[in-house]
């Protein structure tokens, strides 16, 4: 009888615990984030999000491709609620892999420009970077620069620097050129730019800027935030590089400079979809948007609204309004064009 009473009592306690858990406040909730980004500043933002909402943020970091494959392998057993990746091309890749779901809210639609999000809500941008021309202040005048297309001119022979065609940032830039100039025009451009390079493609964006400072080439293709990383580097040699180079935004009389994003999408099998949406709303909201320019040197979603002295020193610029989903859709074509151009 005592044993029966104890069992009955245990069932009541367990039932009550389950009932009570369903009514736990937000501070007992969590969201699991698989992130390609590796900034301490992001971790601090997650702490602020937790403080404001009570939602704990669990972070798993790895390369975007590795995270996409991991989620595919985990399937419905995946603990991931939100995938964050740099470059719209990668987000479209995740969408095409079938690991993201549609997630919408009035806040996200208001805070994220239409061209910087998937039209069905599979992903949203929250930071912006522009892929620009980095030039030697000693050897090049800004008046000599104009458009991406102008880099194909023979006058630049032996003066250009760029990283490998396997890099998603270059693939997305070429995808934007395909979208604007057609595949044939993009193919001619890629082949001519490759012939104008000072050396075969190699290294990172920062390596291209170091090569400009060292006199190996005069103009490099690189993302803006890498300039910020050099300016604020703990390495004095990198800071010297930053002093020797200037930032030029191409195509200001036309479509505008190519831009891309870091962004996130809710994972198909998310157990905490509402919390994942809240985190995206936070990252696209005013507090986070004000922080990115001064911590990771990325532009906010409204690129002209930054108060960062560094970003403002590069000057105001017109951004290409191309829907960034096109960068993913045209990625395969960009890879083929690079191969035909012998852009290693």
Protein backbone atom coordinates (compact mmCIF):
# COMPACT_ATOMS: atom_id res chain seq x y z
CA UNK A 1 0.00 0.00 0.00
CA UNK A 2 2.84 2.36 0.89
CA UNK A 3 4.58 1.53 -2.38
CA UNK A 4 1.40 2.24 -4.30
CA UNK A 5 0.95 5.55 -2.48
CA UNK A 6 4.57 6.56 -3.24
CA UNK A 7 4.12 5.72 -6.94
CA UNK A 8 0.87 7.67 -7.07
CA UNK A 9 2.54 10.61 -5.32
CA UNK A 10 5.47 10.52 -7.78
CA UNK A 11 3.07 10.60 -10.73
CA UNK A 12 1.35 13.65 -9.24
CA UNK A 13 4.70 15.39 -8.71
CA UNK A 14 5.88 14.62 -12.27
CA UNK A 15 2.57 15.76 -13.73
CA UNK A 16 2.72 18.96 -11.73
CA UNK A 17 6.32 19.58 -12.87
CA UNK A 18 5.32 19.17 -16.53
CA UNK A 19 2.29 21.41 -16.00
CA UNK A 20 4.42 24.03 -14.23
CA UNK A 21 7.11 23.93 -16.93
CA UNK A 22 4.56 24.83 -19.59
CA UNK A 23 3.91 28.04 -17.69
CA UNK A 24 7.52 28.93 -16.96
CA UNK A 25 8.44 32.56 -17.67
CA UNK A 26 10.58 33.58 -20.65
CA UNK A 27 13.76 33.48 -18.56
CA UNK A 28 13.57 29.67 -18.60
CA UNK A 29 13.64 29.58 -22.41
CA UNK A 30 16.55 29.19 -24.80
CA UNK A 31 17.58 29.38 -28.43
CA UNK A 32 20.40 27.42 -30.08
CA UNK A 33 22.41 29.28 -32.68
CA UNK A 34 24.71 27.71 -35.27
CA UNK A 35 26.94 30.60 -36.33
CA UNK A 36 29.58 31.14 -38.97
CA UNK A 37 30.47 34.48 -37.33
CA UNK A 38 33.29 34.52 -34.78
CA UNK A 39 33.23 37.96 -33.19
CA UNK A 40 33.36 38.59 -29.44
CA UNK A 41 31.11 41.58 -30.11
CA UNK A 42 28.37 39.18 -31.24
CA UNK A 43 28.67 37.24 -27.98
CA UNK A 44 28.16 40.47 -26.04
CA UNK A 45 25.05 41.21 -28.06
CA UNK A 46 23.69 37.76 -27.22
CA UNK A 47 24.28 38.54 -23.55
CA UNK A 48 22.29 41.74 -23.93
CA UNK A 49 19.52 39.81 -25.65
CA UNK A 50 19.40 37.32 -22.77
CA UNK A 51 19.31 40.12 -20.22
CA UNK A 52 16.45 41.82 -22.05
CA UNK A 53 14.36 38.70 -22.77
CA UNK A 54 15.48 35.99 -20.37
CA UNK A 55 16.15 33.73 -23.36
CA UNK A 56 19.48 31.89 -23.08
CA UNK A 57 21.55 31.78 -26.29
CA UNK A 58 23.53 28.60 -26.94
CA UNK A 59 26.15 29.15 -29.65
CA UNK A 60 27.88 26.58 -31.86
CA UNK A 61 30.55 28.05 -34.17
CA UNK A 62 32.02 26.58 -37.35
CA UNK A 63 32.29 27.37 -41.06
CA UNK A 64 29.00 27.96 -42.85
CA UNK A 65 29.39 24.93 -45.10
CA UNK A 66 30.23 22.70 -42.13
CA UNK A 67 27.17 23.94 -40.22
CA UNK A 68 24.90 23.41 -43.23
CA UNK A 69 26.16 19.83 -43.59
CA UNK A 70 25.80 19.25 -39.86
CA UNK A 71 22.18 20.39 -39.86
CA UNK A 72 21.45 18.19 -42.90
CA UNK A 73 22.97 15.20 -41.11
CA UNK A 74 21.14 15.91 -37.84
CA UNK A 75 17.80 16.39 -39.57
CA UNK A 76 14.82 16.59 -37.25
CA UNK A 77 17.10 15.74 -34.32
CA UNK A 78 19.10 18.95 -34.81
CA UNK A 79 19.18 21.24 -31.76
CA UNK A 80 19.77 24.22 -34.05
CA UNK A 81 17.10 26.92 -34.05
CA UNK A 82 18.89 29.59 -36.07
CA UNK A 83 21.66 29.46 -38.69
CA UNK A 84 23.82 32.55 -39.15
CA UNK A 85 26.16 32.92 -42.12
CA UNK A 86 28.17 35.61 -43.87
CA UNK A 87 27.10 36.27 -47.48
CA UNK A 88 23.65 35.92 -49.02
CA UNK A 89 25.08 33.24 -51.31
CA UNK A 90 25.57 30.93 -48.33
CA UNK A 91 22.10 31.65 -46.97
CA UNK A 92 20.54 30.78 -50.33
CA UNK A 93 22.69 27.62 -50.32
CA UNK A 94 21.19 26.68 -46.95
CA UNK A 95 17.71 27.48 -48.24
CA UNK A 96 18.24 25.32 -51.33
CA UNK A 97 19.45 22.51 -49.08
CA UNK A 98 16.01 22.51 -47.45
CA UNK A 99 17.23 23.21 -43.92
CA UNK A 100 15.52 26.60 -43.41
CA UNK A 101 11.87 27.42 -42.88
CA UNK A 102 9.78 30.50 -43.53
CA UNK A 103 9.65 32.79 -40.50
CA UNK A 104 7.97 36.18 -40.63
CA UNK A 105 7.10 39.00 -38.29
CA UNK A 106 6.00 42.61 -38.60
CA UNK A 107 9.25 43.74 -36.96
CA UNK A 108 11.47 41.85 -39.38
CA UNK A 109 9.58 43.12 -42.39
CA UNK A 110 9.88 46.66 -41.07
CA UNK A 111 13.53 46.49 -39.97
CA UNK A 112 15.06 44.58 -42.90
CA UNK A 113 15.02 46.18 -46.38
CA UNK A 114 13.19 44.04 -48.93
CA UNK A 115 16.29 43.37 -51.06
CA UNK A 116 18.21 42.16 -47.98
CA UNK A 117 15.84 39.33 -47.06
CA UNK A 118 14.28 36.31 -48.70
CA UNK A 119 10.86 37.17 -50.05
CA UNK A 120 9.34 34.16 -48.23
CA UNK A 121 11.19 34.80 -44.97
CA UNK A 122 13.73 31.98 -45.10
CA UNK A 123 16.55 34.37 -44.15
CA UNK A 124 17.16 37.99 -43.15
CA UNK A 125 20.25 40.19 -43.29
CA UNK A 126 21.39 42.07 -40.20
CA UNK A 127 24.77 43.56 -41.18
CA UNK A 128 26.00 45.00 -44.49
CA UNK A 129 29.43 45.05 -46.11
CA UNK A 130 30.44 46.46 -49.48
CA UNK A 131 32.99 44.85 -51.80
CA UNK A 132 35.03 47.82 -52.92
CA UNK A 133 38.32 48.92 -54.46
CA UNK A 134 41.21 49.37 -52.04
CA UNK A 135 43.91 51.53 -53.60
CA UNK A 136 47.41 52.76 -52.82
CA UNK A 137 47.27 56.36 -51.62
CA UNK A 138 50.81 56.89 -52.91
CA UNK A 139 50.33 55.59 -56.46
CA UNK A 140 46.65 55.98 -57.28
CA UNK A 141 44.35 58.98 -57.23
CA UNK A 142 40.63 58.36 -56.57
CA UNK A 143 39.87 60.18 -59.82
CA UNK A 144 41.54 57.29 -61.68
CA UNK A 145 38.93 54.86 -60.35
CA UNK A 146 35.32 54.57 -61.47
CA UNK A 147 33.55 51.21 -61.88
CA UNK A 148 34.04 47.49 -61.48
CA UNK A 149 33.79 47.27 -65.26
CA UNK A 150 36.72 49.68 -65.67
CA UNK A 151 39.04 47.13 -64.02
CA UNK A 152 38.92 45.23 -67.32
CA UNK A 153 40.72 48.09 -69.08
CA UNK A 154 44.30 47.23 -70.18
CA UNK A 155 45.53 50.32 -68.31
CA UNK A 156 45.36 48.21 -65.14
CA UNK A 157 47.59 45.43 -66.47
CA UNK A 158 49.88 44.17 -63.71
CA UNK A 159 48.20 46.38 -61.09
CA UNK A 160 45.20 44.46 -59.74
CA UNK A 161 44.96 42.11 -56.77
CA UNK A 162 42.20 39.69 -55.79
CA UNK A 163 41.66 36.49 -53.87
CA UNK A 164 40.64 33.10 -55.24
CA UNK A 165 37.50 32.47 -57.25
CA UNK A 166 36.59 29.79 -54.69
CA UNK A 167 35.83 32.58 -52.23
CA UNK A 168 32.09 33.22 -51.83
CA UNK A 169 32.62 37.00 -51.65
CA UNK A 170 34.13 37.03 -55.14
CA UNK A 171 31.47 34.65 -56.39
CA UNK A 172 28.74 36.97 -55.16
CA UNK A 173 30.43 40.01 -56.70
CA UNK A 174 30.57 38.22 -60.05
CA UNK A 175 26.96 37.09 -59.61
CA UNK A 176 25.99 40.76 -59.24
CA UNK A 177 27.89 41.58 -62.44
CA UNK A 178 26.06 38.75 -64.23
CA UNK A 179 22.75 40.13 -62.95
CA UNK A 180 23.59 43.62 -64.18
CA UNK A 181 25.60 42.95 -67.37
CA UNK A 182 24.60 39.45 -68.45
CA UNK A 183 26.66 36.26 -68.50
CA UNK A 184 28.59 37.20 -71.66
CA UNK A 185 29.54 40.61 -70.30
CA UNK A 186 30.58 39.09 -66.98
CA UNK A 187 32.72 36.48 -68.76
CA UNK A 188 34.59 39.14 -70.70
CA UNK A 189 35.08 41.13 -67.51
CA UNK A 190 36.43 38.20 -65.49
CA UNK A 191 38.87 37.19 -68.22
CA UNK A 192 40.18 40.74 -68.64
CA UNK A 193 40.54 41.34 -64.88
CA UNK A 194 42.43 38.07 -64.51
CA UNK A 195 44.88 39.23 -67.19
CA UNK A 196 45.34 42.54 -65.36
CA UNK A 197 46.33 40.93 -62.06
CA UNK A 198 49.74 41.60 -60.55
CA UNK A 199 49.94 37.97 -59.36
CA UNK A 200 47.76 34.82 -59.37
CA UNK A 201 44.84 34.99 -56.91
CA UNK A 202 45.91 34.07 -53.39
CA UNK A 203 45.35 34.92 -49.74
CA UNK A 204 42.60 36.73 -47.87
CA UNK A 205 41.14 40.20 -48.34
CA UNK A 206 43.58 41.52 -45.75
CA UNK A 207 46.43 39.90 -47.69
CA UNK A 208 45.36 41.82 -50.80
CA UNK A 209 45.56 45.09 -48.86
CA UNK A 210 48.95 44.16 -47.45
CA UNK A 211 50.12 43.51 -51.01
CA UNK A 212 48.90 46.96 -52.09
CA UNK A 213 50.82 48.57 -49.22
CA UNK A 214 53.92 46.54 -50.18
CA UNK A 215 53.74 47.76 -53.77
CA UNK A 216 52.93 44.38 -55.33
CA UNK A 217 49.81 45.86 -56.89
CA UNK A 218 47.98 49.19 -56.88
CA UNK A 219 44.30 48.24 -56.52
CA UNK A 220 42.66 45.36 -54.66
CA UNK A 221 39.11 44.03 -54.43
CA UNK A 222 38.10 43.62 -50.77
CA UNK A 223 35.25 43.96 -48.28
CA UNK A 224 35.03 47.19 -46.32
CA UNK A 225 35.01 45.67 -42.84
CA UNK A 226 38.48 44.21 -43.39
CA UNK A 227 39.78 47.77 -43.53
CA UNK A 228 38.27 48.31 -40.09
CA UNK A 229 39.98 45.17 -38.81
CA UNK A 230 43.35 46.46 -40.03
CA UNK A 231 42.79 49.96 -38.62
CA UNK A 232 42.01 48.47 -35.21
CA UNK A 233 44.49 45.59 -35.31
CA UNK A 234 46.79 44.90 -32.35
CA UNK A 235 49.56 44.42 -34.92
CA UNK A 236 51.28 47.75 -35.70
CA UNK A 237 52.25 46.49 -39.18
CA UNK A 238 48.59 46.01 -40.04
CA UNK A 239 47.80 49.51 -38.81
CA UNK A 240 50.56 50.82 -41.10
CA UNK A 241 48.92 49.00 -44.02
CA UNK A 242 45.60 50.69 -43.20
CA UNK A 243 47.27 54.09 -43.32
CA UNK A 244 48.64 53.43 -46.81
CA UNK A 245 45.38 52.44 -48.50
CA UNK A 246 42.17 54.22 -49.42
CA UNK A 247 38.58 53.01 -49.90
CA UNK A 248 36.74 53.63 -53.17
CA UNK A 249 33.08 52.76 -53.78
CA UNK A 250 32.63 51.89 -57.49
CA UNK A 251 29.70 52.57 -59.84
CA UNK A 252 28.43 55.63 -57.98
CA UNK A 253 27.08 57.17 -61.18
CA UNK A 254 25.25 53.95 -62.02
CA UNK A 255 23.84 51.04 -60.07
CA UNK A 256 25.97 51.64 -56.98
CA UNK A 257 28.58 49.61 -55.13
CA UNK A 258 28.04 45.90 -54.61
CA UNK A 259 26.82 45.08 -51.10
CA UNK A 260 26.26 41.84 -49.23
CA UNK A 261 25.12 40.77 -45.77
CA UNK A 262 25.58 38.59 -42.78
CA UNK A 263 22.21 37.13 -41.95
CA UNK A 264 20.24 34.37 -40.33
CA UNK A 265 17.47 31.91 -41.05
CA UNK A 266 15.31 29.78 -38.79
CA UNK A 267 16.20 26.10 -39.07
CA UNK A 268 13.50 23.79 -40.46
CA UNK A 269 13.37 21.62 -37.34
CA UNK A 270 13.68 24.42 -34.76
CA UNK A 271 12.24 23.58 -31.36
CA UNK A 272 12.24 27.27 -30.40
CA UNK A 273 11.02 29.09 -33.51
CA UNK A 274 9.47 32.00 -31.60
CA UNK A 275 12.72 32.60 -29.72
CA UNK A 276 14.75 32.39 -32.94
CA UNK A 277 12.53 35.06 -34.48
CA UNK A 278 12.97 37.23 -31.39
CA UNK A 279 16.76 36.96 -31.72
CA UNK A 280 16.58 37.96 -35.38
CA UNK A 281 14.36 40.89 -34.43
CA UNK A 282 16.96 41.93 -31.84
CA UNK A 283 19.87 41.69 -34.30
CA UNK A 284 17.99 43.81 -36.83
CA UNK A 285 16.80 46.27 -34.17
CA UNK A 286 18.30 49.63 -33.23
CA UNK A 287 20.54 48.50 -30.33
CA UNK A 288 22.42 45.89 -32.37
CA UNK A 289 22.41 48.02 -35.51
CA UNK A 290 24.16 50.82 -33.61
CA UNK A 291 26.78 48.39 -32.32
CA UNK A 292 27.92 46.61 -35.48
CA UNK A 293 29.60 49.67 -37.10
CA UNK A 294 31.81 50.29 -34.05
CA UNK A 295 32.58 46.67 -33.12
CA UNK A 296 32.76 44.63 -36.33
CA UNK A 297 33.08 47.63 -38.72
CA UNK A 298 30.08 46.50 -40.75
CA UNK A 299 27.38 48.83 -42.02
CA UNK A 300 23.90 48.73 -40.50
CA UNK A 301 20.99 47.69 -42.68
CA UNK A 302 20.41 51.35 -43.45
CA UNK A 303 23.95 51.98 -44.68
CA UNK A 304 23.73 55.77 -44.47
CA UNK A 305 22.62 55.85 -40.84
CA UNK A 306 25.92 54.96 -39.15
CA UNK A 307 27.60 57.32 -36.68
CA UNK A 308 30.90 55.41 -36.78
CA UNK A 309 33.74 57.89 -37.41
CA UNK A 310 35.69 55.23 -39.30
CA UNK A 311 32.87 54.21 -41.62
CA UNK A 312 31.91 57.85 -42.16
CA UNK A 313 35.53 58.62 -43.11
CA UNK A 314 35.11 56.39 -46.17
CA UNK A 315 32.37 58.72 -47.39
CA UNK A 316 28.71 58.26 -48.19
CA UNK A 317 27.96 55.87 -51.00
CA UNK A 318 25.20 54.56 -53.20
CA UNK A 319 24.56 50.83 -52.75
CA UNK A 320 23.38 48.48 -55.47
CA UNK A 321 19.71 47.71 -54.77
CA UNK A 322 19.86 44.27 -56.41
CA UNK A 323 17.85 41.66 -54.50
CA UNK A 324 20.53 39.68 -52.68
CA UNK A 325 18.70 36.42 -53.31
CA UNK A 326 19.96 36.78 -56.89
CA UNK A 327 23.53 36.30 -55.65
CA UNK A 328 22.66 32.79 -54.56
CA UNK A 329 20.59 31.99 -57.63
CA UNK A 330 23.47 33.01 -59.91
CA UNK A 331 26.25 31.44 -57.85
CA UNK A 332 26.64 28.37 -60.07
CA UNK A 333 26.91 30.59 -63.16
CA UNK A 334 29.54 32.73 -61.43
CA UNK A 335 31.63 29.66 -60.60
CA UNK A 336 31.49 28.56 -64.27
CA UNK A 337 32.47 32.02 -65.50
CA UNK A 338 35.45 32.14 -63.14
CA UNK A 339 36.61 28.74 -64.39
CA UNK A 340 36.40 29.84 -68.02
CA UNK A 341 38.39 32.96 -67.16
CA UNK A 342 41.15 30.85 -65.56
CA UNK A 343 40.60 32.81 -62.34
CA UNK A 344 42.10 30.29 -59.92
